[in-house]
């Protein structure tokens, strides 16, 4: 049983609970694969923050690691989904830094 299912079973059986259970739990179990958006944003944020404020880089990357790990531990994404999100977020933020540097030359 999915951890989210256990949490939802603690509440009463109102129509809203049935809707949430149907939308959240069944979508997690049907095998839909998608890039981990939280991880993508966390990696992008950490790269940009590390560039502009290097004194808080360690804290930012610790946060990013926890976000990425939580996606897999909670069963919301496969590790490959998290990797794809990290790769996409890193690529976009590095590309934006490069384009900004070229534009300000």
C-alpha atoms as a PDB file:
ATOM      1  CA  UNK A   1       0.000   0.000   0.000  1.00  0.00           C
ATOM      2  CA  UNK A   2       1.284   3.448  -0.906  1.00  0.00           C
ATOM      3  CA  UNK A   3       2.142   5.777   2.057  1.00  0.00           C
ATOM      4  CA  UNK A   4      -0.230   8.392   0.690  1.00  0.00           C
ATOM      5  CA  UNK A   5      -3.041   5.836   0.747  1.00  0.00           C
ATOM      6  CA  UNK A   6      -2.409   5.239   4.461  1.00  0.00           C
ATOM      7  CA  UNK A   7      -2.592   8.962   5.151  1.00  0.00           C
ATOM      8  CA  UNK A   8      -5.831   9.338   3.220  1.00  0.00           C
ATOM      9  CA  UNK A   9      -7.397   6.367   5.010  1.00  0.00           C
ATOM     10  CA  UNK A  10      -7.068   8.202   8.337  1.00  0.00           C
ATOM     11  CA  UNK A  11      -9.676  10.754   7.285  1.00  0.00           C
ATOM     12  CA  UNK A  12     -13.427  10.309   6.972  1.00  0.00           C
ATOM     13  CA  UNK A  13     -14.963   9.005   3.779  1.00  0.00           C
ATOM     14  CA  UNK A  14     -16.396  12.216   2.379  1.00  0.00           C
ATOM     15  CA  UNK A  15     -16.839  12.765  -1.374  1.00  0.00           C
ATOM     16  CA  UNK A  16     -13.784  15.041  -1.302  1.00  0.00           C
ATOM     17  CA  UNK A  17     -11.673  12.239   0.198  1.00  0.00           C
ATOM     18  CA  UNK A  18     -12.760   9.882  -2.569  1.00  0.00           C
ATOM     19  CA  UNK A  19     -11.832  12.481  -5.183  1.00  0.00           C
ATOM     20  CA  UNK A  20      -8.398  13.102  -3.639  1.00  0.00           C
ATOM     21  CA  UNK A  21      -7.752   9.374  -3.321  1.00  0.00           C
ATOM     22  CA  UNK A  22      -8.739   8.829  -6.906  1.00  0.00           C
ATOM     23  CA  UNK A  23      -6.710  11.709  -8.314  1.00  0.00           C
ATOM     24  CA  UNK A  24      -3.551  11.306  -6.217  1.00  0.00           C
ATOM     25  CA  UNK A  25      -3.152   7.659  -5.359  1.00  0.00           C
ATOM     26  CA  UNK A  26      -4.336   6.131  -8.596  1.00  0.00           C
ATOM     27  CA  UNK A  27      -2.237   8.517 -10.666  1.00  0.00           C
ATOM     28  CA  UNK A  28       0.837   7.451  -8.671  1.00  0.00           C
ATOM     29  CA  UNK A  29       0.089   3.791  -9.213  1.00  0.00           C
ATOM     30  CA  UNK A  30      -0.721   3.917 -12.929  1.00  0.00           C
ATOM     31  CA  UNK A  31       2.900   4.282 -13.996  1.00  0.00           C
ATOM     32  CA  UNK A  32       2.885   7.818 -15.353  1.00  0.00           C
ATOM     33  CA  UNK A  33       6.464   8.994 -15.767  1.00  0.00           C
ATOM     34  CA  UNK A  34       7.310  12.647 -15.614  1.00  0.00           C
ATOM     35  CA  UNK A  35      10.310  14.795 -14.831  1.00  0.00           C
ATOM     36  CA  UNK A  36      10.643  15.725 -11.158  1.00  0.00           C
ATOM     37  CA  UNK A  37       9.763  19.424 -11.226  1.00  0.00           C
ATOM     38  CA  UNK A  38      10.662  20.086  -7.595  1.00  0.00           C
ATOM     39  CA  UNK A  39      14.133  18.674  -8.235  1.00  0.00           C
ATOM     40  CA  UNK A  40      14.498  20.675 -11.445  1.00  0.00           C
ATOM     41  CA  UNK A  41      13.705  23.918  -9.647  1.00  0.00           C
ATOM     42  CA  UNK A  42      15.920  23.062  -6.668  1.00  0.00           C
ATOM     43  CA  UNK A  43      18.945  22.379  -8.901  1.00  0.00           C
ATOM     44  CA  UNK A  44      18.355  25.531 -10.907  1.00  0.00           C
ATOM     45  CA  UNK A  45      17.977  27.579  -7.726  1.00  0.00           C
ATOM     46  CA  UNK A  46      21.139  26.115  -6.161  1.00  0.00           C
ATOM     47  CA  UNK A  47      23.280  26.735  -9.229  1.00  0.00           C
ATOM     48  CA  UNK A  48      22.162  30.352  -9.526  1.00  0.00           C
ATOM     49  CA  UNK A  49      22.438  30.958  -5.794  1.00  0.00           C
ATOM     50  CA  UNK A  50      25.906  29.392  -5.712  1.00  0.00           C
ATOM     51  CA  UNK A  51      26.987  31.683  -8.533  1.00  0.00           C
ATOM     52  CA  UNK A  52      25.686  34.907  -7.016  1.00  0.00           C
ATOM     53  CA  UNK A  53      26.022  34.105  -3.283  1.00  0.00           C
ATOM     54  CA  UNK A  54      28.762  31.477  -2.863  1.00  0.00           C
ATOM     55  CA  UNK A  55      28.724  31.876   0.926  1.00  0.00           C
ATOM     56  CA  UNK A  56      25.359  30.044   1.110  1.00  0.00           C
ATOM     57  CA  UNK A  57      26.141  27.414  -1.529  1.00  0.00           C
ATOM     58  CA  UNK A  58      26.561  24.589   0.982  1.00  0.00           C
ATOM     59  CA  UNK A  59      23.167  25.265   2.510  1.00  0.00           C
ATOM     60  CA  UNK A  60      21.527  25.497  -0.922  1.00  0.00           C
ATOM     61  CA  UNK A  61      23.022  22.215  -2.101  1.00  0.00           C
ATOM     62  CA  UNK A  62      22.036  20.476   1.124  1.00  0.00           C
ATOM     63  CA  UNK A  63      18.465  21.619   0.538  1.00  0.00           C
ATOM     64  CA  UNK A  64      18.636  20.424  -3.068  1.00  0.00           C
ATOM     65  CA  UNK A  65      19.880  17.004  -2.006  1.00  0.00           C
ATOM     66  CA  UNK A  66      17.006  16.658   0.451  1.00  0.00           C
ATOM     67  CA  UNK A  67      14.467  17.676  -2.185  1.00  0.00           C
ATOM     68  CA  UNK A  68      15.833  15.142  -4.677  1.00  0.00           C
ATOM     69  CA  UNK A  69      15.966  12.395  -2.079  1.00  0.00           C
ATOM     70  CA  UNK A  70      12.446  13.114  -0.830  1.00  0.00           C
ATOM     71  CA  UNK A  71      10.973  12.651  -4.311  1.00  0.00           C
ATOM     72  CA  UNK A  72      12.235   9.054  -4.409  1.00  0.00           C
ATOM     73  CA  UNK A  73      11.711   8.183  -0.735  1.00  0.00           C
ATOM     74  CA  UNK A  74       8.086   9.350  -0.819  1.00  0.00           C
ATOM     75  CA  UNK A  75       7.516   7.260  -3.923  1.00  0.00           C
ATOM     76  CA  UNK A  76       6.521  10.242  -6.044  1.00  0.00           C
ATOM     77  CA  UNK A  77       9.182   9.703  -8.729  1.00  0.00           C
ATOM     78  CA  UNK A  78      11.602   7.069  -9.943  1.00  0.00           C
ATOM     79  CA  UNK A  79      15.315   7.858  -9.551  1.00  0.00           C
ATOM     80  CA  UNK A  80      15.581   8.381 -13.323  1.00  0.00           C
ATOM     81  CA  UNK A  81      12.809  11.002 -13.151  1.00  0.00           C
ATOM     82  CA  UNK A  82      14.758  12.844 -10.442  1.00  0.00           C
ATOM     83  CA  UNK A  83      17.956  12.593 -12.487  1.00  0.00           C
ATOM     84  CA  UNK A  84      16.155  14.005 -15.533  1.00  0.00           C
ATOM     85  CA  UNK A  85      14.822  16.887 -13.433  1.00  0.00           C
ATOM     86  CA  UNK A  86      18.293  17.602 -12.067  1.00  0.00           C
ATOM     87  CA  UNK A  87      19.797  17.517 -15.541  1.00  0.00           C
ATOM     88  CA  UNK A  88      17.134  19.785 -16.993  1.00  0.00           C
ATOM     89  CA  UNK A  89      17.330  22.298 -14.139  1.00  0.00           C
ATOM     90  CA  UNK A  90      21.119  22.384 -14.266  1.00  0.00           C
ATOM     91  CA  UNK A  91      21.178  22.804 -18.031  1.00  0.00           C
ATOM     92  CA  UNK A  92      18.676  25.645 -18.005  1.00  0.00           C
ATOM     93  CA  UNK A  93      20.371  27.582 -15.220  1.00  0.00           C
ATOM     94  CA  UNK A  94      23.856  27.159 -16.687  1.00  0.00           C
ATOM     95  CA  UNK A  95      22.558  28.187 -20.100  1.00  0.00           C
ATOM     96  CA  UNK A  96      20.965  31.292 -18.588  1.00  0.00           C
ATOM     97  CA  UNK A  97      24.247  32.221 -16.876  1.00  0.00           C
ATOM     98  CA  UNK A  98      26.156  31.814 -20.146  1.00  0.00           C
ATOM     99  CA  UNK A  99      23.621  33.847 -22.136  1.00  0.00           C
ATOM    100  CA  UNK A 100      23.575  36.575 -19.515  1.00  0.00           C
ATOM    101  CA  UNK A 101      27.374  36.767 -19.562  1.00  0.00           C
ATOM    102  CA  UNK A 102      27.373  37.012 -23.384  1.00  0.00           C
ATOM    103  CA  UNK A 103      24.670  39.682 -23.344  1.00  0.00           C
ATOM    104  CA  UNK A 104      26.576  41.876 -20.905  1.00  0.00           C
ATOM    105  CA  UNK A 105      29.879  41.796 -22.819  1.00  0.00           C
END
